[in-house]
C-alpha cells in the first residue's frame, strides 16, 4: 500500500459536487492512505477529457457519465456499500486495463465500504 500515491486521480473541483469528491477522498485517507490527485478540473467535461487521454481514474457523478458508460466509452468501477450522499462513479478508459496500483485502490475502496 506504500505505492498508493502512484494511482493518478482526476477530480472535479466545483462547489456543488465538492462534498461528494471530498467524502470519497476522506474515506481513503481514513484508511491511512494518501490519494494522488494529479488533476483538479473546473468542469466534468475536463475530467472526462483527461480520462479519455488515459491520464488516470476520474471520479464523477453518475448523471454526468451515464451516457458515456452506456455507449461503452467508459467503464465504471462499482464500489458497493460505499456510503455517499450522491451516487458517483469512479471511471477508467475502456481500452486500458487497470494498473496494479489502481486495482489495489479499488480493492481498498471496496474493503472500506465493507
N, C-alpha and C. Protein backbone atom coordinates (compact mmCIF):
# COMPACT_ATOMS: atom_id res chain seq x y z
N UNK A 1 0.81 -1.19 0.00
CA UNK A 1 0.00 0.00 0.00
C UNK A 1 0.86 1.26 0.00
N UNK A 2 2.14 1.12 0.20
CA UNK A 2 3.03 2.28 0.16
C UNK A 2 3.05 2.91 -1.22
N UNK A 3 2.64 2.17 -2.24
CA UNK A 3 2.65 2.68 -3.61
C UNK A 3 1.32 3.33 -3.98
N UNK A 4 0.41 3.45 -3.03
CA UNK A 4 -0.91 4.00 -3.32
C UNK A 4 -0.83 5.37 -3.99
N UNK A 5 0.14 6.16 -3.59
CA UNK A 5 0.24 7.51 -4.12
C UNK A 5 0.58 7.56 -5.61
N UNK A 6 0.80 6.40 -6.24
CA UNK A 6 1.11 6.36 -7.67
C UNK A 6 -0.14 6.26 -8.55
N UNK A 7 -1.31 6.03 -7.97
CA UNK A 7 -2.54 5.94 -8.75
C UNK A 7 -3.01 7.36 -9.05
N UNK A 8 -2.96 7.78 -10.31
CA UNK A 8 -3.38 9.15 -10.63
C UNK A 8 -4.91 9.29 -10.59
N UNK A 9 -5.38 10.25 -9.82
CA UNK A 9 -6.81 10.52 -9.70
C UNK A 9 -7.11 11.89 -10.30
N UNK A 10 -8.23 11.97 -11.01
CA UNK A 10 -8.66 13.21 -11.64
C UNK A 10 -10.01 13.55 -11.03
N UNK A 11 -10.11 14.74 -10.44
CA UNK A 11 -11.35 15.10 -9.76
C UNK A 11 -11.86 16.45 -10.26
N UNK A 12 -13.12 16.69 -9.97
CA UNK A 12 -13.74 17.96 -10.30
C UNK A 12 -13.75 18.81 -9.05
N UNK A 13 -13.23 20.01 -9.16
CA UNK A 13 -13.27 20.97 -8.06
C UNK A 13 -14.39 21.95 -8.36
N UNK A 14 -15.56 21.69 -7.81
CA UNK A 14 -16.73 22.50 -8.03
C UNK A 14 -17.50 22.53 -6.73
N UNK A 15 -18.00 23.67 -6.37
CA UNK A 15 -18.68 23.79 -5.08
C UNK A 15 -19.88 22.86 -4.95
N UNK A 16 -20.59 22.60 -6.04
CA UNK A 16 -21.79 21.76 -5.96
C UNK A 16 -21.45 20.32 -5.61
N UNK A 17 -20.41 19.76 -6.23
CA UNK A 17 -20.07 18.35 -6.03
C UNK A 17 -18.82 18.17 -5.17
N UNK A 18 -18.29 19.22 -4.66
CA UNK A 18 -17.07 19.15 -3.87
C UNK A 18 -17.22 18.20 -2.69
N UNK A 19 -18.37 18.22 -2.05
CA UNK A 19 -18.58 17.38 -0.89
C UNK A 19 -18.50 15.90 -1.21
N UNK A 20 -19.04 15.50 -2.36
CA UNK A 20 -19.04 14.09 -2.75
C UNK A 20 -17.61 13.61 -2.99
N UNK A 21 -16.87 14.36 -3.77
CA UNK A 21 -15.48 14.00 -4.08
C UNK A 21 -14.66 13.95 -2.80
N UNK A 22 -14.81 14.96 -1.98
CA UNK A 22 -14.02 15.01 -0.75
C UNK A 22 -14.42 13.91 0.23
N UNK A 23 -15.66 13.46 0.18
CA UNK A 23 -16.07 12.34 1.03
C UNK A 23 -15.37 11.06 0.59
N UNK A 24 -15.26 10.85 -0.71
CA UNK A 24 -14.53 9.67 -1.22
C UNK A 24 -13.08 9.74 -0.77
N UNK A 25 -12.46 10.90 -0.96
CA UNK A 25 -11.06 11.06 -0.58
C UNK A 25 -10.88 10.92 0.94
N UNK A 26 -11.85 11.42 1.69
CA UNK A 26 -11.78 11.31 3.16
C UNK A 26 -11.82 9.85 3.58
N UNK A 27 -12.67 9.06 2.92
CA UNK A 27 -12.76 7.64 3.26
C UNK A 27 -11.44 6.93 2.94
N UNK A 28 -10.78 7.34 1.87
CA UNK A 28 -9.48 6.76 1.53
C UNK A 28 -8.45 7.16 2.58
N UNK A 29 -8.43 8.45 2.94
CA UNK A 29 -7.48 8.93 3.94
C UNK A 29 -7.71 8.28 5.30
N UNK A 30 -8.98 8.01 5.61
CA UNK A 30 -9.31 7.34 6.87
C UNK A 30 -8.63 5.98 6.97
N UNK A 31 -8.36 5.37 5.82
CA UNK A 31 -7.65 4.08 5.78
C UNK A 31 -6.14 4.27 5.92
N UNK A 32 -5.71 5.52 6.11
CA UNK A 32 -4.29 5.80 6.29
C UNK A 32 -3.53 5.95 4.98
N UNK A 33 -4.25 6.18 3.89
CA UNK A 33 -3.64 6.30 2.58
C UNK A 33 -3.75 7.73 2.06
N UNK A 34 -2.83 8.09 1.19
CA UNK A 34 -2.82 9.43 0.63
C UNK A 34 -3.23 9.39 -0.84
N UNK A 35 -4.40 9.94 -1.19
CA UNK A 35 -4.81 9.95 -2.59
C UNK A 35 -3.86 10.81 -3.43
N UNK A 36 -3.59 10.35 -4.64
CA UNK A 36 -2.70 11.05 -5.57
C UNK A 36 -3.55 11.82 -6.59
N UNK A 37 -4.06 12.96 -6.18
CA UNK A 37 -4.87 13.78 -7.08
C UNK A 37 -3.89 14.53 -7.99
N UNK A 38 -3.87 14.12 -9.25
CA UNK A 38 -2.93 14.72 -10.20
C UNK A 38 -3.55 15.87 -10.99
N UNK A 39 -4.88 15.92 -11.00
CA UNK A 39 -5.54 16.97 -11.78
C UNK A 39 -6.87 17.32 -11.12
N UNK A 40 -7.08 18.61 -10.93
CA UNK A 40 -8.34 19.15 -10.40
C UNK A 40 -8.93 20.02 -11.49
N UNK A 41 -10.10 19.63 -11.97
CA UNK A 41 -10.72 20.30 -13.11
C UNK A 41 -11.92 21.13 -12.67
N UNK A 42 -12.21 22.18 -13.43
CA UNK A 42 -13.36 23.04 -13.14
C UNK A 42 -14.67 22.47 -13.67
N UNK A 43 -14.59 21.54 -14.60
CA UNK A 43 -15.82 21.00 -15.19
C UNK A 43 -15.71 19.50 -15.37
N UNK A 44 -16.88 18.86 -15.44
CA UNK A 44 -16.88 17.41 -15.65
C UNK A 44 -16.37 17.07 -17.05
N UNK A 45 -16.54 17.98 -18.02
CA UNK A 45 -16.03 17.72 -19.37
C UNK A 45 -14.50 17.58 -19.35
N UNK A 46 -13.85 18.39 -18.54
CA UNK A 46 -12.40 18.31 -18.44
C UNK A 46 -11.95 17.01 -17.77
N UNK A 47 -12.69 16.57 -16.75
CA UNK A 47 -12.37 15.29 -16.11
C UNK A 47 -12.49 14.17 -17.13
N UNK A 48 -13.61 14.16 -17.87
CA UNK A 48 -13.81 13.12 -18.87
C UNK A 48 -12.74 13.19 -19.96
N UNK A 49 -12.36 14.38 -20.36
CA UNK A 49 -11.30 14.53 -21.36
C UNK A 49 -9.97 13.96 -20.88
N UNK A 50 -9.66 14.19 -19.62
CA UNK A 50 -8.40 13.65 -19.06
C UNK A 50 -8.44 12.13 -19.00
N UNK A 51 -9.60 11.55 -18.65
CA UNK A 51 -9.73 10.10 -18.63
C UNK A 51 -9.61 9.56 -20.06
N UNK A 52 -10.21 10.26 -21.02
CA UNK A 52 -10.08 9.85 -22.43
C UNK A 52 -8.63 9.82 -22.87
N UNK A 53 -7.84 10.71 -22.34
CA UNK A 53 -6.41 10.78 -22.67
C UNK A 53 -5.58 9.83 -21.82
N UNK A 54 -6.30 9.00 -21.04
CA UNK A 54 -5.67 7.96 -20.21
C UNK A 54 -4.71 8.53 -19.18
N UNK A 55 -5.09 9.67 -18.60
CA UNK A 55 -4.25 10.32 -17.61
C UNK A 55 -4.47 9.78 -16.20
N UNK A 56 -5.56 9.03 -15.99
CA UNK A 56 -5.82 8.49 -14.66
C UNK A 56 -7.26 8.09 -14.51
N UNK A 57 -7.64 7.81 -13.26
CA UNK A 57 -9.02 7.46 -12.91
C UNK A 57 -9.78 8.73 -12.57
N UNK A 58 -10.99 8.86 -13.09
CA UNK A 58 -11.81 10.02 -12.80
C UNK A 58 -12.90 9.67 -11.80
N UNK A 59 -13.30 10.66 -11.03
CA UNK A 59 -14.41 10.49 -10.09
C UNK A 59 -15.47 11.50 -10.47
N UNK A 60 -16.64 10.99 -10.90
CA UNK A 60 -17.71 11.86 -11.37
C UNK A 60 -19.08 11.37 -10.93
N UNK A 61 -20.03 12.28 -10.89
CA UNK A 61 -21.42 11.97 -10.55
C UNK A 61 -22.02 11.08 -11.63
N UNK A 62 -22.88 10.19 -11.23
CA UNK A 62 -23.48 9.21 -12.12
C UNK A 62 -24.19 9.86 -13.31
N UNK A 63 -24.90 10.96 -13.09
CA UNK A 63 -25.63 11.62 -14.18
C UNK A 63 -24.70 12.12 -15.29
N UNK A 64 -23.50 12.47 -14.92
CA UNK A 64 -22.55 13.04 -15.87
C UNK A 64 -21.97 11.97 -16.80
N UNK A 65 -21.75 10.78 -16.28
CA UNK A 65 -21.07 9.74 -17.08
C UNK A 65 -21.99 8.63 -17.58
N UNK A 66 -23.26 8.64 -17.18
CA UNK A 66 -24.16 7.57 -17.61
C UNK A 66 -24.20 7.39 -19.13
N UNK A 67 -24.29 8.46 -19.93
CA UNK A 67 -24.30 8.26 -21.39
C UNK A 67 -22.99 7.65 -21.91
N UNK A 68 -21.87 8.04 -21.32
CA UNK A 68 -20.57 7.52 -21.75
C UNK A 68 -20.40 6.06 -21.37
N UNK A 69 -20.96 5.69 -20.24
CA UNK A 69 -20.92 4.29 -19.81
C UNK A 69 -21.84 3.46 -20.71
N UNK A 70 -23.01 3.99 -20.99
CA UNK A 70 -23.97 3.29 -21.85
C UNK A 70 -23.39 3.08 -23.25
N UNK A 71 -22.66 4.07 -23.77
CA UNK A 71 -22.07 3.94 -25.10
C UNK A 71 -20.85 3.03 -25.10
N UNK A 72 -20.34 2.70 -23.91
CA UNK A 72 -19.19 1.82 -23.81
C UNK A 72 -17.86 2.54 -23.81
N UNK A 73 -17.89 3.87 -23.82
CA UNK A 73 -16.63 4.61 -23.84
C UNK A 73 -15.88 4.50 -22.51
N UNK A 74 -16.61 4.55 -21.41
CA UNK A 74 -16.01 4.43 -20.09
C UNK A 74 -16.57 3.20 -19.40
N UNK A 75 -15.78 2.68 -18.47
CA UNK A 75 -16.22 1.56 -17.64
C UNK A 75 -16.26 2.04 -16.20
N UNK A 76 -17.38 1.85 -15.52
CA UNK A 76 -17.44 2.26 -14.12
C UNK A 76 -16.78 1.22 -13.22
N UNK A 77 -16.28 1.68 -12.13
CA UNK A 77 -15.76 0.80 -11.10
C UNK A 77 -16.77 0.88 -9.96
N UNK A 78 -17.52 -0.16 -9.78
CA UNK A 78 -18.59 -0.17 -8.78
C UNK A 78 -17.99 -0.48 -7.41
N UNK A 79 -18.34 0.34 -6.45
CA UNK A 79 -17.91 0.15 -5.06
C UNK A 79 -19.18 -0.02 -4.23
N UNK A 80 -19.61 -1.26 -4.08
CA UNK A 80 -20.85 -1.48 -3.33
C UNK A 80 -20.62 -1.20 -1.85
N UNK A 81 -21.61 -0.61 -1.25
CA UNK A 81 -21.54 -0.34 0.18
C UNK A 81 -20.85 0.94 0.57
N UNK A 82 -20.23 1.63 -0.40
CA UNK A 82 -19.60 2.91 -0.05
C UNK A 82 -20.69 3.91 0.28
N UNK A 83 -20.53 4.58 1.38
CA UNK A 83 -21.55 5.50 1.84
C UNK A 83 -21.33 6.88 1.24
N UNK A 84 -22.11 7.20 0.20
CA UNK A 84 -22.00 8.50 -0.45
C UNK A 84 -23.35 9.20 -0.42
N UNK A 85 -23.30 10.51 -0.28
CA UNK A 85 -24.53 11.29 -0.26
C UNK A 85 -25.20 11.29 -1.64
N UNK A 86 -24.40 11.36 -2.69
CA UNK A 86 -24.91 11.35 -4.07
C UNK A 86 -24.22 10.22 -4.81
N UNK A 87 -24.96 9.50 -5.68
CA UNK A 87 -24.32 8.41 -6.42
C UNK A 87 -23.24 8.93 -7.37
N UNK A 88 -22.07 8.34 -7.30
CA UNK A 88 -20.94 8.73 -8.14
C UNK A 88 -20.28 7.48 -8.67
N UNK A 89 -19.48 7.66 -9.71
CA UNK A 89 -18.71 6.57 -10.28
C UNK A 89 -17.24 6.94 -10.29
N UNK A 90 -16.43 5.93 -10.14
CA UNK A 90 -15.02 6.05 -10.46
C UNK A 90 -14.90 5.39 -11.82
N UNK A 91 -14.34 6.10 -12.79
CA UNK A 91 -14.32 5.60 -14.16
C UNK A 91 -12.89 5.46 -14.67
N UNK A 92 -12.75 4.58 -15.67
CA UNK A 92 -11.46 4.47 -16.35
C UNK A 92 -11.71 4.24 -17.82
N UNK A 93 -10.69 4.43 -18.63
CA UNK A 93 -10.81 4.28 -20.07
C UNK A 93 -11.05 2.82 -20.41
N UNK A 94 -11.99 2.58 -21.32
CA UNK A 94 -12.40 1.20 -21.63
C UNK A 94 -11.29 0.35 -22.25
N UNK A 95 -10.37 0.98 -22.96
CA UNK A 95 -9.32 0.23 -23.65
C UNK A 95 -8.04 0.08 -22.85
N UNK A 96 -8.05 0.57 -21.64
CA UNK A 96 -6.84 0.49 -20.82
C UNK A 96 -7.17 -0.28 -19.55
N UNK A 97 -6.57 -1.45 -19.36
CA UNK A 97 -6.83 -2.19 -18.12
C UNK A 97 -6.31 -1.41 -16.92
N UNK A 98 -6.90 -1.66 -15.79
CA UNK A 98 -6.44 -1.01 -14.57
C UNK A 98 -5.03 -1.47 -14.24
N UNK A 99 -4.21 -0.53 -13.79
CA UNK A 99 -2.86 -0.88 -13.35
C UNK A 99 -2.95 -1.64 -12.03
N UNK A 100 -1.87 -2.24 -11.63
CA UNK A 100 -1.84 -2.96 -10.35
C UNK A 100 -2.16 -2.00 -9.21
N UNK A 101 -1.66 -0.77 -9.30
CA UNK A 101 -1.94 0.23 -8.26
C UNK A 101 -3.41 0.59 -8.23
N UNK A 102 -4.01 0.76 -9.40
CA UNK A 102 -5.44 1.08 -9.46
C UNK A 102 -6.28 -0.07 -8.92
N UNK A 103 -5.88 -1.30 -9.23
CA UNK A 103 -6.59 -2.47 -8.69
C UNK A 103 -6.53 -2.46 -7.17
N UNK A 104 -5.37 -2.12 -6.60
CA UNK A 104 -5.25 -2.05 -5.14
C UNK A 104 -6.14 -0.95 -4.57
N UNK A 105 -6.18 0.19 -5.25
CA UNK A 105 -7.01 1.30 -4.83
C UNK A 105 -8.48 0.88 -4.78
N UNK A 106 -8.94 0.25 -5.85
CA UNK A 106 -10.33 -0.21 -5.92
C UNK A 106 -10.59 -1.24 -4.82
N UNK A 107 -9.65 -2.13 -4.59
CA UNK A 107 -9.79 -3.11 -3.52
C UNK A 107 -9.93 -2.45 -2.16
N UNK A 108 -9.14 -1.41 -1.93
CA UNK A 108 -9.23 -0.68 -0.66
C UNK A 108 -10.57 0.01 -0.51
N UNK A 109 -11.06 0.60 -1.58
CA UNK A 109 -12.37 1.25 -1.51
C UNK A 109 -13.45 0.23 -1.20
N UNK A 110 -13.38 -0.91 -1.88
CA UNK A 110 -14.38 -1.94 -1.63
C UNK A 110 -14.29 -2.45 -0.20
N UNK A 111 -13.08 -2.62 0.28
CA UNK A 111 -12.88 -3.10 1.66
C UNK A 111 -13.40 -2.08 2.67
N UNK A 112 -13.14 -0.80 2.43
CA UNK A 112 -13.60 0.22 3.38
C UNK A 112 -15.10 0.38 3.34
N UNK A 113 -15.73 0.04 2.20
CA UNK A 113 -17.18 0.13 2.09
C UNK A 113 -17.86 -1.00 2.84
N UNK A 114 -17.11 -2.05 3.05
CA UNK A 114 -17.40 -3.21 3.72
C UNK A 114 -18.57 -3.79 4.20
